[in-house]
Amino acid sequence: MGFKYEKRTDSEPSFDAKGIETVRRDGTPAQQKIEEAALKLLFRTGDLSLVKEYFQRQCDKILSNKVSIQDFCFAKEVKLGTYRLAYVHSLLI
């Protein structure tokens, strides 16, 4: 995870995230957006106090109901037929 340059002519790096919460599908959009923005801020500035301020602003928005409820909905795709029957707990009950 971090910034990367694809070509020598690139003036701005792109954010490369693999295997962390920002690219996983089992988190909420709010968590993913906040975490990615915080990581980018940290990589650009190296200043944890700025990251803390950003995170506190986002928490204030959440507590003030100034965010969309859809950003807190889990939307995880399940491919039926890919699980073994012995491990499907709802069928065991």
Protein backbone atom coordinates (compact mmCIF):
# COMPACT_ATOMS: atom_id res chain seq x y z
CA MET A 1 0.00 0.00 0.00
CA GLY A 2 1.22 3.46 -0.81
CA PHE A 3 1.82 5.84 -3.66
CA LYS A 4 3.26 4.63 -6.92
CA TYR A 5 4.43 6.16 -10.17
CA GLU A 6 3.61 4.16 -13.30
CA LYS A 7 5.85 6.16 -15.66
CA ARG A 8 8.78 8.50 -15.28
CA THR A 9 6.63 11.27 -16.75
CA ASP A 10 3.96 10.99 -14.02
CA SER A 11 3.83 14.17 -11.98
CA GLU A 12 1.35 12.81 -9.42
CA PRO A 13 1.49 9.34 -7.89
CA SER A 14 -1.52 7.05 -7.76
CA PHE A 15 -2.68 5.34 -4.58
CA ASP A 16 -2.02 1.60 -4.63
CA ALA A 17 -3.92 -0.43 -2.03
CA LYS A 18 -3.93 -4.20 -2.07
CA GLY A 19 -5.23 -6.47 0.66
CA ILE A 20 -6.21 -3.72 3.09
CA GLU A 21 -9.62 -2.55 4.22
CA THR A 22 -9.94 0.15 1.57
CA VAL A 23 -10.28 -2.43 -1.19
CA ARG A 24 -12.05 -5.25 0.65
CA ARG A 25 -15.77 -5.71 0.08
CA ASP A 26 -16.72 -6.61 3.65
CA GLY A 27 -16.52 -3.06 5.05
CA THR A 28 -18.86 -0.12 4.79
CA PRO A 29 -18.34 2.59 2.18
CA ALA A 30 -17.91 5.17 4.99
CA GLN A 31 -15.09 3.18 6.57
CA GLN A 32 -13.40 2.63 3.22
CA LYS A 33 -13.61 6.30 2.18
CA ILE A 34 -12.38 7.61 5.53
CA GLU A 35 -9.52 5.13 5.73
CA GLU A 36 -8.33 5.76 2.17
CA ALA A 37 -8.45 9.54 2.63
CA ALA A 38 -6.58 9.26 5.94
CA LEU A 39 -3.88 7.07 4.40
CA LYS A 40 -3.44 9.43 1.45
CA LEU A 41 -3.17 12.37 3.85
CA LEU A 42 -0.56 10.51 5.89
CA PHE A 43 1.50 9.62 2.81
CA ARG A 44 1.33 13.15 1.41
CA THR A 45 2.17 14.98 4.63
CA GLY A 46 3.70 12.47 7.05
CA ASP A 47 1.84 14.35 9.79
CA LEU A 48 -0.25 12.19 12.13
CA SER A 49 -1.81 15.26 13.77
CA LEU A 50 -3.42 16.16 10.41
CA VAL A 51 -4.74 12.62 10.08
CA LYS A 52 -6.19 12.86 13.60
CA GLU A 53 -7.87 16.19 12.78
CA TYR A 54 -9.33 14.73 9.56
CA PHE A 55 -10.67 11.68 11.40
CA GLN A 56 -12.20 13.81 14.15
CA ARG A 57 -13.95 15.98 11.53
CA GLN A 58 -15.39 12.85 9.92
CA CYS A 59 -16.60 11.59 13.31
CA ASP A 60 -18.26 14.96 13.96
CA LYS A 61 -20.08 14.67 10.61
CA ILE A 62 -21.28 11.17 11.53
CA LEU A 63 -22.46 12.22 14.99
CA SER A 64 -24.25 15.25 13.50
CA ASN A 65 -26.09 13.08 10.95
CA LYS A 66 -24.44 14.92 8.06
CA VAL A 67 -23.65 11.75 6.13
CA SER A 68 -25.71 9.38 4.02
CA ILE A 69 -27.07 6.29 5.76
CA GLN A 70 -26.09 4.32 2.64
CA ASP A 71 -22.45 4.85 3.57
CA PHE A 72 -23.09 2.57 6.56
CA CYS A 73 -24.82 -0.27 4.72
CA PHE A 74 -22.94 -3.47 4.08
CA ALA A 75 -23.19 -4.63 0.48
CA LYS A 76 -21.36 -7.90 0.11
CA GLU A 77 -21.79 -10.15 -2.88
CA VAL A 78 -22.34 -13.84 -2.17
CA LYS A 79 -21.91 -16.35 -4.95
CA LEU A 80 -24.36 -19.18 -4.33
CA GLY A 81 -23.08 -22.66 -4.91
CA THR A 82 -19.53 -21.86 -3.78
CA TYR A 83 -20.00 -22.97 -0.17
CA ARG A 84 -19.90 -26.54 1.07
CA LEU A 85 -23.25 -27.66 2.45
CA ALA A 86 -21.70 -28.82 5.74
CA TYR A 87 -20.70 -25.25 6.58
CA VAL A 88 -23.98 -23.49 5.83
CA HIS A 89 -25.15 -22.86 9.40
CA SER A 90 -28.68 -21.79 8.48
CA LEU A 91 -29.30 -25.21 6.96
CA LEU A 92 -28.13 -26.97 10.11
CA ILE A 93 -30.71 -25.29 12.34
